[in-house]
Amino acid sequence: MSEKLSYLQRGKGKVKGNVKKNDFYKFYLENAKEKVIDRITYNAFLKEVIETFSNAIVTTGLELKINSVGKIRVRTQRLNFFKKDGVKSKSLRVDWHKTWAHWHNKYPGLSRQEITEVPDKTLIYHENEHSNQEFYEHHWDKLTTSLKFKNFYKFKPSRQYSRLIAKVVKDPNRKTFYYG
């Protein structure tokens, strides 16, 4: 099984930035006016702060304002199947579980590798019926920031907080609602 199966290939990987957590610790060491704490304590503190704010943003609908960085929140948008000119909307996400089930029924006897080589296959998209055809995403409001070159920066939350949004939205006793 040395050949790479095309249907098992992953999407985009980690966001690789130039500024990392260790750079913040170096800055802290150089500019600390109080007693300096060790790296392990610093990392544990940073992790706890980030987890606390991230959970509050997702589970309570908090809008976090960070001085000149701007506001971070979860926003909702209506699911549009097509744009005004009839082109398929980018907001649609493929439901891979249903799509593969459909392909296995449509092309019986073919392996997954052979199915991936079939051109122009039908894709099945999520319709978000559980959320009244809305989708939710983390949003960094760049209009409220005073950073220079803000268009070069990107905010991408970790997968666990994106999955936490799904958990909150799919809860039948949901108490947290987001706005656009």
C-alpha atoms as a PDB file:
ATOM      1  CA  MET A   1       0.000   0.000   0.000  1.00  0.00           C
ATOM      2  CA  SER A   2       2.820   2.332  -0.916  1.00  0.00           C
ATOM      3  CA  GLU A   3       0.775   4.418  -3.345  1.00  0.00           C
ATOM      4  CA  LYS A   4      -1.080   7.329  -1.798  1.00  0.00           C
ATOM      5  CA  LEU A   5      -4.853   7.005  -2.007  1.00  0.00           C
ATOM      6  CA  SER A   6      -6.272  10.257  -3.351  1.00  0.00           C
ATOM      7  CA  TYR A   7      -9.495  10.040  -1.330  1.00  0.00           C
ATOM      8  CA  LEU A   8      -7.498   9.881   1.929  1.00  0.00           C
ATOM      9  CA  GLN A   9      -5.503  13.042   1.349  1.00  0.00           C
ATOM     10  CA  ARG A  10      -6.013  15.768   3.927  1.00  0.00           C
ATOM     11  CA  GLY A  11      -6.945  19.355   3.259  1.00  0.00           C
ATOM     12  CA  LYS A  12      -4.947  22.385   4.335  1.00  0.00           C
ATOM     13  CA  GLY A  13      -2.602  21.873   7.256  1.00  0.00           C
ATOM     14  CA  LYS A  14      -1.725  24.089  10.170  1.00  0.00           C
ATOM     15  CA  VAL A  15      -1.479  27.821   9.700  1.00  0.00           C
ATOM     16  CA  LYS A  16       2.215  28.565   9.879  1.00  0.00           C
ATOM     17  CA  GLY A  17       2.884  32.045  11.200  1.00  0.00           C
ATOM     18  CA  ASN A  18       6.017  33.998  11.876  1.00  0.00           C
ATOM     19  CA  VAL A  19       5.031  34.863  15.447  1.00  0.00           C
ATOM     20  CA  LYS A  20       4.725  31.933  17.827  1.00  0.00           C
ATOM     21  CA  LYS A  21       4.042  31.394  21.519  1.00  0.00           C
ATOM     22  CA  ASN A  22       7.794  31.241  22.291  1.00  0.00           C
ATOM     23  CA  ASP A  23       8.233  34.728  20.820  1.00  0.00           C
ATOM     24  CA  PHE A  24       5.691  36.056  23.328  1.00  0.00           C
ATOM     25  CA  TYR A  25       7.643  34.418  26.161  1.00  0.00           C
ATOM     26  CA  LYS A  26      10.929  35.992  24.946  1.00  0.00           C
ATOM     27  CA  PHE A  27       9.206  39.379  24.829  1.00  0.00           C
ATOM     28  CA  TYR A  28       7.901  38.787  28.363  1.00  0.00           C
ATOM     29  CA  LEU A  29      11.406  37.923  29.614  1.00  0.00           C
ATOM     30  CA  GLU A  30      12.901  41.065  28.100  1.00  0.00           C
ATOM     31  CA  ASN A  31      10.181  43.436  29.382  1.00  0.00           C
ATOM     32  CA  ALA A  32       9.093  41.969  32.731  1.00  0.00           C
ATOM     33  CA  LYS A  33       9.256  44.440  35.614  1.00  0.00           C
ATOM     34  CA  GLU A  34       8.193  41.899  38.241  1.00  0.00           C
ATOM     35  CA  LYS A  35       9.677  38.528  39.115  1.00  0.00           C
ATOM     36  CA  VAL A  36       9.898  36.338  35.992  1.00  0.00           C
ATOM     37  CA  ILE A  37       7.996  33.033  35.953  1.00  0.00           C
ATOM     38  CA  ASP A  38       9.329  29.930  34.202  1.00  0.00           C
ATOM     39  CA  ARG A  39       8.210  28.860  30.739  1.00  0.00           C
ATOM     40  CA  ILE A  40       6.056  25.938  31.992  1.00  0.00           C
ATOM     41  CA  THR A  41       4.026  28.207  34.292  1.00  0.00           C
ATOM     42  CA  TYR A  42       3.763  30.855  31.555  1.00  0.00           C
ATOM     43  CA  ASN A  43       2.479  28.266  29.018  1.00  0.00           C
ATOM     44  CA  ALA A  44      -0.029  26.840  31.520  1.00  0.00           C
ATOM     45  CA  PHE A  45      -1.323  30.356  32.283  1.00  0.00           C
ATOM     46  CA  LEU A  46      -1.601  31.222  28.589  1.00  0.00           C
ATOM     47  CA  LYS A  47      -3.435  27.969  27.838  1.00  0.00           C
ATOM     48  CA  GLU A  48      -5.912  28.567  30.662  1.00  0.00           C
ATOM     49  CA  VAL A  49      -6.615  32.146  29.549  1.00  0.00           C
ATOM     50  CA  ILE A  50      -7.151  31.118  25.930  1.00  0.00           C
ATOM     51  CA  GLU A  51      -9.409  28.196  26.900  1.00  0.00           C
ATOM     52  CA  THR A  52     -11.475  30.391  29.240  1.00  0.00           C
ATOM     53  CA  PHE A  53     -12.049  33.108  26.644  1.00  0.00           C
ATOM     54  CA  SER A  54     -12.642  30.655  23.794  1.00  0.00           C
ATOM     55  CA  ASN A  55     -15.211  28.676  25.787  1.00  0.00           C
ATOM     56  CA  ALA A  56     -16.959  31.903  26.837  1.00  0.00           C
ATOM     57  CA  ILE A  57     -17.098  33.133  23.227  1.00  0.00           C
ATOM     58  CA  VAL A  58     -18.664  29.885  22.008  1.00  0.00           C
ATOM     59  CA  THR A  59     -20.883  28.801  24.908  1.00  0.00           C
ATOM     60  CA  THR A  60     -22.257  32.196  25.992  1.00  0.00           C
ATOM     61  CA  GLY A  61     -22.029  34.220  22.782  1.00  0.00           C
ATOM     62  CA  LEU A  62     -19.479  36.611  24.303  1.00  0.00           C
ATOM     63  CA  GLU A  63     -17.913  39.187  22.013  1.00  0.00           C
ATOM     64  CA  LEU A  64     -14.274  39.604  23.064  1.00  0.00           C
ATOM     65  CA  LYS A  65     -12.710  43.017  22.441  1.00  0.00           C
ATOM     66  CA  ILE A  66      -8.931  43.126  22.586  1.00  0.00           C
ATOM     67  CA  ASN A  67      -7.657  46.735  22.654  1.00  0.00           C
ATOM     68  CA  SER A  68      -6.298  47.541  19.195  1.00  0.00           C
ATOM     69  CA  VAL A  69      -6.680  44.013  17.806  1.00  0.00           C
ATOM     70  CA  GLY A  70     -10.458  44.232  17.442  1.00  0.00           C
ATOM     71  CA  LYS A  71     -13.416  42.021  18.312  1.00  0.00           C
ATOM     72  CA  ILE A  72     -13.646  38.231  18.089  1.00  0.00           C
ATOM     73  CA  ARG A  73     -17.011  36.491  18.154  1.00  0.00           C
ATOM     74  CA  VAL A  74     -19.108  33.753  16.583  1.00  0.00           C
ATOM     75  CA  ARG A  75     -21.364  34.980  13.808  1.00  0.00           C
ATOM     76  CA  THR A  76     -24.202  33.414  11.905  1.00  0.00           C
ATOM     77  CA  GLN A  77     -24.971  33.667   8.211  1.00  0.00           C
ATOM     78  CA  ARG A  78     -27.814  32.371   6.102  1.00  0.00           C
ATOM     79  CA  LEU A  79     -26.891  29.473   3.871  1.00  0.00           C
ATOM     80  CA  ASN A  80     -27.077  30.578   0.242  1.00  0.00           C
ATOM     81  CA  PHE A  81     -27.138  27.753  -2.268  1.00  0.00           C
ATOM     82  CA  PHE A  82     -26.491  30.016  -5.247  1.00  0.00           C
ATOM     83  CA  LYS A  83     -25.167  33.526  -5.830  1.00  0.00           C
ATOM     84  CA  LYS A  84     -27.221  36.065  -7.772  1.00  0.00           C
ATOM     85  CA  ASP A  85     -25.589  35.048 -11.070  1.00  0.00           C
ATOM     86  CA  GLY A  86     -26.495  31.361 -10.559  1.00  0.00           C
ATOM     87  CA  VAL A  87     -23.013  30.186  -9.532  1.00  0.00           C
ATOM     88  CA  LYS A  88     -22.808  27.742  -6.621  1.00  0.00           C
ATOM     89  CA  SER A  89     -22.052  29.509  -3.347  1.00  0.00           C
ATOM     90  CA  LYS A  90     -18.725  28.982  -1.546  1.00  0.00           C
ATOM     91  CA  SER A  91     -20.562  28.816   1.779  1.00  0.00           C
ATOM     92  CA  LEU A  92     -21.793  25.295   0.996  1.00  0.00           C
ATOM     93  CA  ARG A  93     -19.868  22.435   2.603  1.00  0.00           C
ATOM     94  CA  VAL A  94     -19.855  18.937   1.140  1.00  0.00           C
ATOM     95  CA  ASP A  95     -21.456  16.218   3.262  1.00  0.00           C
ATOM     96  CA  TRP A  96     -18.816  13.599   2.584  1.00  0.00           C
ATOM     97  CA  HIS A  97     -20.593  10.819   4.462  1.00  0.00           C
ATOM     98  CA  LYS A  98     -23.749  11.087   2.319  1.00  0.00           C
ATOM     99  CA  THR A  99     -21.723  11.775  -0.840  1.00  0.00           C
ATOM    100  CA  TRP A 100     -19.657   8.599  -0.505  1.00  0.00           C
ATOM    101  CA  ALA A 101     -22.799   6.563   0.282  1.00  0.00           C
ATOM    102  CA  HIS A 102     -24.402   7.969  -2.895  1.00  0.00           C
ATOM    103  CA  TRP A 103     -21.312   7.176  -4.982  1.00  0.00           C
ATOM    104  CA  HIS A 104     -21.150   3.600  -3.677  1.00  0.00           C
ATOM    105  CA  ASN A 105     -24.809   3.110  -4.675  1.00  0.00           C
ATOM    106  CA  LYS A 106     -24.331   4.769  -8.075  1.00  0.00           C
ATOM    107  CA  TYR A 107     -21.074   2.982  -8.932  1.00  0.00           C
ATOM    108  CA  PRO A 108     -21.415  -0.523  -7.430  1.00  0.00           C
ATOM    109  CA  GLY A 109     -18.371  -2.765  -7.705  1.00  0.00           C
ATOM    110  CA  LEU A 110     -15.880   0.111  -7.991  1.00  0.00           C
ATOM    111  CA  SER A 111     -13.280   0.688  -5.284  1.00  0.00           C
ATOM    112  CA  ARG A 112     -12.928   4.068  -3.629  1.00  0.00           C
ATOM    113  CA  GLN A 113      -9.787   4.767  -5.641  1.00  0.00           C
ATOM    114  CA  GLU A 114     -11.652   4.021  -8.901  1.00  0.00           C
ATOM    115  CA  ILE A 115     -14.598   6.179  -7.826  1.00  0.00           C
ATOM    116  CA  THR A 116     -12.283   9.165  -7.251  1.00  0.00           C
ATOM    117  CA  GLU A 117     -11.114   8.894 -10.865  1.00  0.00           C
ATOM    118  CA  VAL A 118     -14.677   9.166 -12.251  1.00  0.00           C
ATOM    119  CA  PRO A 119     -15.133  12.708 -13.641  1.00  0.00           C
ATOM    120  CA  ASP A 120     -18.054  15.040 -12.837  1.00  0.00           C
ATOM    121  CA  LYS A 121     -19.534  13.127  -9.909  1.00  0.00           C
ATOM    122  CA  THR A 122     -22.515  14.514  -8.014  1.00  0.00           C
ATOM    123  CA  LEU A 123     -21.729  16.104  -4.642  1.00  0.00           C
ATOM    124  CA  ILE A 124     -24.218  16.252  -1.769  1.00  0.00           C
ATOM    125  CA  TYR A 125     -24.053  19.353   0.423  1.00  0.00           C
ATOM    126  CA  HIS A 126     -25.013  19.989   4.027  1.00  0.00           C
ATOM    127  CA  GLU A 127     -28.370  21.758   4.189  1.00  0.00           C
ATOM    128  CA  ASN A 128     -28.105  22.656   7.899  1.00  0.00           C
ATOM    129  CA  GLU A 129     -31.719  21.767   8.612  1.00  0.00           C
ATOM    130  CA  HIS A 130     -30.940  21.513  12.334  1.00  0.00           C
ATOM    131  CA  SER A 131     -29.985  25.211  12.416  1.00  0.00           C
ATOM    132  CA  ASN A 132     -32.685  26.633  10.129  1.00  0.00           C
ATOM    133  CA  GLN A 133     -30.240  26.736   7.167  1.00  0.00           C
ATOM    134  CA  GLU A 134     -27.695  28.928   8.938  1.00  0.00           C
ATOM    135  CA  PHE A 135     -23.998  28.318   9.422  1.00  0.00           C
ATOM    136  CA  TYR A 136     -21.735  29.612  12.155  1.00  0.00           C
ATOM    137  CA  GLU A 137     -18.110  30.664  12.139  1.00  0.00           C
ATOM    138  CA  HIS A 138     -15.539  32.426  14.276  1.00  0.00           C
ATOM    139  CA  HIS A 139     -15.236  36.011  13.099  1.00  0.00           C
ATOM    140  CA  TRP A 140     -12.527  38.585  13.669  1.00  0.00           C
ATOM    141  CA  ASP A 141     -14.122  41.986  13.118  1.00  0.00           C
ATOM    142  CA  LYS A 142     -11.315  43.902  11.397  1.00  0.00           C
ATOM    143  CA  LEU A 143     -13.384  47.084  11.188  1.00  0.00           C
ATOM    144  CA  THR A 144     -12.817  47.598  14.919  1.00  0.00           C
ATOM    145  CA  THR A 145      -9.036  47.237  14.750  1.00  0.00           C
ATOM    146  CA  SER A 146      -6.363  49.887  14.459  1.00  0.00           C
ATOM    147  CA  LEU A 147      -3.607  47.496  13.379  1.00  0.00           C
ATOM    148  CA  LYS A 148      -1.532  48.391  10.351  1.00  0.00           C
ATOM    149  CA  PHE A 149      -1.653  45.930   7.462  1.00  0.00           C
ATOM    150  CA  LYS A 150      -4.623  44.126   9.029  1.00  0.00           C
ATOM    151  CA  ASN A 151      -5.499  42.453   5.728  1.00  0.00           C
ATOM    152  CA  PHE A 152      -2.325  40.375   5.989  1.00  0.00           C
ATOM    153  CA  TYR A 153      -3.432  38.814   9.286  1.00  0.00           C
ATOM    154  CA  LYS A 154      -5.754  35.849   9.620  1.00  0.00           C
ATOM    155  CA  PHE A 155      -7.596  34.462  12.629  1.00  0.00           C
ATOM    156  CA  LYS A 156      -8.083  30.703  12.574  1.00  0.00           C
ATOM    157  CA  PRO A 157      -9.387  29.066  15.760  1.00  0.00           C
ATOM    158  CA  SER A 158      -8.395  25.548  16.702  1.00  0.00           C
ATOM    159  CA  ARG A 159     -10.630  22.712  15.554  1.00  0.00           C
ATOM    160  CA  GLN A 160     -11.869  21.989  19.084  1.00  0.00           C
ATOM    161  CA  TYR A 161     -13.618  25.380  19.264  1.00  0.00           C
ATOM    162  CA  SER A 162     -15.141  24.989  15.826  1.00  0.00           C
ATOM    163  CA  ARG A 163     -16.505  21.616  16.960  1.00  0.00           C
ATOM    164  CA  LEU A 164     -17.755  23.241  20.177  1.00  0.00           C
ATOM    165  CA  ILE A 165     -19.915  25.577  18.049  1.00  0.00           C
ATOM    166  CA  ALA A 166     -21.449  22.502  16.403  1.00  0.00           C
ATOM    167  CA  LYS A 167     -22.113  20.970  19.809  1.00  0.00           C
ATOM    168  CA  VAL A 168     -23.830  24.152  21.055  1.00  0.00           C
ATOM    169  CA  VAL A 169     -25.930  24.520  17.881  1.00  0.00           C
ATOM    170  CA  LYS A 170     -27.032  20.860  17.786  1.00  0.00           C
ATOM    171  CA  ASP A 171     -28.081  20.849  21.451  1.00  0.00           C
ATOM    172  CA  PRO A 172     -31.902  20.424  21.595  1.00  0.00           C
ATOM    173  CA  ASN A 173     -32.037  22.643  24.726  1.00  0.00           C
ATOM    174  CA  ARG A 174     -29.955  25.364  23.123  1.00  0.00           C
ATOM    175  CA  LYS A 175     -29.726  28.636  25.049  1.00  0.00           C
ATOM    176  CA  THR A 176     -26.954  30.406  23.108  1.00  0.00           C
ATOM    177  CA  PHE A 177     -27.780  32.171  19.863  1.00  0.00           C
ATOM    178  CA  TYR A 178     -25.427  34.151  17.641  1.00  0.00           C
ATOM    179  CA  TYR A 179     -26.087  37.084  15.329  1.00  0.00           C
ATOM    180  CA  GLY A 180     -24.809  38.081  11.887  1.00  0.00           C
END
